[in-house]
C-alpha atoms as a PDB file:
ATOM      1  CA  MET A   1       0.000   0.000   0.000  1.00  0.00           C
ATOM      2  CA  THR A   2       1.390   3.379  -1.007  1.00  0.00           C
ATOM      3  CA  PRO A   3       1.471   6.015   1.746  1.00  0.00           C
ATOM      4  CA  ALA A   4      -0.946   8.910   1.254  1.00  0.00           C
ATOM      5  CA  LEU A   5       0.447  12.045  -0.370  1.00  0.00           C
ATOM      6  CA  ASP A   6      -0.105  14.271   2.640  1.00  0.00           C
ATOM      7  CA  PRO A   7       1.399  17.746   1.981  1.00  0.00           C
ATOM      8  CA  ASP A   8       2.870  17.804   5.499  1.00  0.00           C
ATOM      9  CA  LYS A   9       4.678  14.513   4.853  1.00  0.00           C
ATOM     10  CA  LEU A  10       6.013  15.782   1.540  1.00  0.00           C
ATOM     11  CA  GLN A  11       7.356  18.869   3.300  1.00  0.00           C
ATOM     12  CA  LYS A  12       9.028  16.668   5.905  1.00  0.00           C
ATOM     13  CA  LEU A  13      10.863  14.773   3.162  1.00  0.00           C
ATOM     14  CA  VAL A  14      12.689  17.965   2.210  1.00  0.00           C
ATOM     15  CA  THR A  15      13.354  19.194   5.757  1.00  0.00           C
ATOM     16  CA  LEU A  16      14.029  16.171   7.985  1.00  0.00           C
ATOM     17  CA  GLN A  17      17.416  14.505   8.165  1.00  0.00           C
ATOM     18  CA  MET A  18      18.133  10.809   8.524  1.00  0.00           C
ATOM     19  CA  PRO A  19      18.700  10.452  12.296  1.00  0.00           C
ATOM     20  CA  TYR A  20      21.113   7.499  12.241  1.00  0.00           C
ATOM     21  CA  GLY A  21      23.171   5.127  10.120  1.00  0.00           C
ATOM     22  CA  LYS A  22      25.497   5.577   7.198  1.00  0.00           C
ATOM     23  CA  HIS A  23      23.512   8.541   5.889  1.00  0.00           C
ATOM     24  CA  LYS A  24      22.938  10.281   9.241  1.00  0.00           C
ATOM     25  CA  GLY A  25      22.355  14.000   8.636  1.00  0.00           C
ATOM     26  CA  THR A  26      21.258  13.568   5.005  1.00  0.00           C
ATOM     27  CA  LEU A  27      17.877  15.028   4.107  1.00  0.00           C
ATOM     28  CA  LEU A  28      15.375  12.240   3.465  1.00  0.00           C
ATOM     29  CA  VAL A  29      14.838  13.566  -0.056  1.00  0.00           C
ATOM     30  CA  ASP A  30      18.572  13.196  -0.747  1.00  0.00           C
ATOM     31  CA  LEU A  31      18.915   9.585   0.408  1.00  0.00           C
ATOM     32  CA  PRO A  32      20.283   7.369  -2.370  1.00  0.00           C
ATOM     33  CA  GLY A  33      17.882   5.028  -4.120  1.00  0.00           C
ATOM     34  CA  ASN A  34      19.893   1.943  -3.181  1.00  0.00           C
ATOM     35  CA  TYR A  35      19.536   2.845   0.523  1.00  0.00           C
ATOM     36  CA  LEU A  36      15.772   3.274   0.129  1.00  0.00           C
ATOM     37  CA  ASN A  37      15.641  -0.034  -1.764  1.00  0.00           C
ATOM     38  CA  TRP A  38      17.493  -1.722   1.100  1.00  0.00           C
ATOM     39  CA  PHE A  39      14.819  -0.538   3.538  1.00  0.00           C
ATOM     40  CA  ALA A  40      12.112  -1.752   1.152  1.00  0.00           C
ATOM     41  CA  ARG A  41      13.700  -5.239   1.145  1.00  0.00           C
ATOM     42  CA  GLU A  42      14.642  -5.432   4.832  1.00  0.00           C
ATOM     43  CA  GLY A  43      11.746  -3.494   6.336  1.00  0.00           C
ATOM     44  CA  PHE A  44      11.151   0.152   7.094  1.00  0.00           C
ATOM     45  CA  PRO A  45      11.496   1.370  10.692  1.00  0.00           C
ATOM     46  CA  LYS A  46       8.323   1.682  12.723  1.00  0.00           C
ATOM     47  CA  GLY A  47       6.604   5.016  13.186  1.00  0.00           C
ATOM     48  CA  GLU A  48       6.740   8.240  11.242  1.00  0.00           C
ATOM     49  CA  LEU A  49      10.320   7.781  10.033  1.00  0.00           C
ATOM     50  CA  GLY A  50       9.406   4.464   8.430  1.00  0.00           C
ATOM     51  CA  GLN A  51       6.347   5.988   6.794  1.00  0.00           C
ATOM     52  CA  LEU A  52       8.429   8.839   5.400  1.00  0.00           C
ATOM     53  CA  LEU A  53      11.128   6.480   4.113  1.00  0.00           C
ATOM     54  CA  ALA A  54       8.460   4.316   2.453  1.00  0.00           C
ATOM     55  CA  LEU A  55       6.966   7.408   0.831  1.00  0.00           C
ATOM     56  CA  MET A  56      10.390   8.568  -0.369  1.00  0.00           C
ATOM     57  CA  HIS A  57      11.058   5.088  -1.748  1.00  0.00           C
ATOM     58  CA  GLU A  58       7.823   5.184  -3.763  1.00  0.00           C
ATOM     59  CA  ILE A  59       8.608   8.663  -5.084  1.00  0.00           C
ATOM     60  CA  ASP A  60      12.181   7.694  -6.002  1.00  0.00           C
ATOM     61  CA  HIS A  61      11.217   4.312  -7.466  1.00  0.00           C
ATOM     62  CA  ASN A  62       8.673   5.950  -9.744  1.00  0.00           C
ATOM     63  CA  GLY A  63      11.053   8.686 -10.892  1.00  0.00           C
ATOM     64  CA  LEU A  64       9.065  11.491  -9.265  1.00  0.00           C
ATOM     65  CA  SER A  65      11.789  13.064  -7.108  1.00  0.00           C
ATOM     66  CA  ASP A  66      11.780  16.246  -9.200  1.00  0.00           C
ATOM     67  CA  LEU A  67       8.266  16.956  -7.950  1.00  0.00           C
ATOM     68  CA  LEU A  68       9.772  17.730  -4.536  1.00  0.00           C
ATOM     69  CA  VAL A  69      12.103  20.436  -5.878  1.00  0.00           C
ATOM     70  CA  PRO A  70       9.570  23.281  -5.386  1.00  0.00           C
ATOM     71  CA  LEU A  71       9.154  22.277  -1.732  1.00  0.00           C
ATOM     72  CA  ARG A  72      12.828  22.773  -0.911  1.00  0.00           C
ATOM     73  CA  ALA A  73      13.744  25.962   0.965  1.00  0.00           C
ATOM     74  CA  GLY A  74      13.907  28.724  -1.622  1.00  0.00           C
ATOM     75  CA  GLY A  75      13.239  26.258  -4.451  1.00  0.00           C
ATOM     76  CA  ALA A  76      17.009  25.811  -4.792  1.00  0.00           C
ATOM     77  CA  GLY A  77      16.730  22.276  -6.144  1.00  0.00           C
ATOM     78  CA  ARG A  78      18.844  19.222  -5.504  1.00  0.00           C
ATOM     79  CA  PRO A  79      22.390  19.948  -4.364  1.00  0.00           C
ATOM     80  CA  GLN A  80      25.258  18.857  -6.583  1.00  0.00           C
ATOM     81  CA  ARG A  81      27.299  15.890  -5.378  1.00  0.00           C
END
């Protein structure tokens, strides 16, 4: 089941950072697809973080990440790596 596209959850994807692990401090929207895929295979954490990661996985998997660009602070877009 795909998480609902709640505007508040979408905003959290571009403002909340991963709280632990290899990508600690990375905005959820900037997490690499292979990391999101790992969670999809192994299981998302419980609670809001898991819901947000599942939502980000669905967005990333379906190639819709660019839809989050306008929600970023100042509309600056995805940072260069």
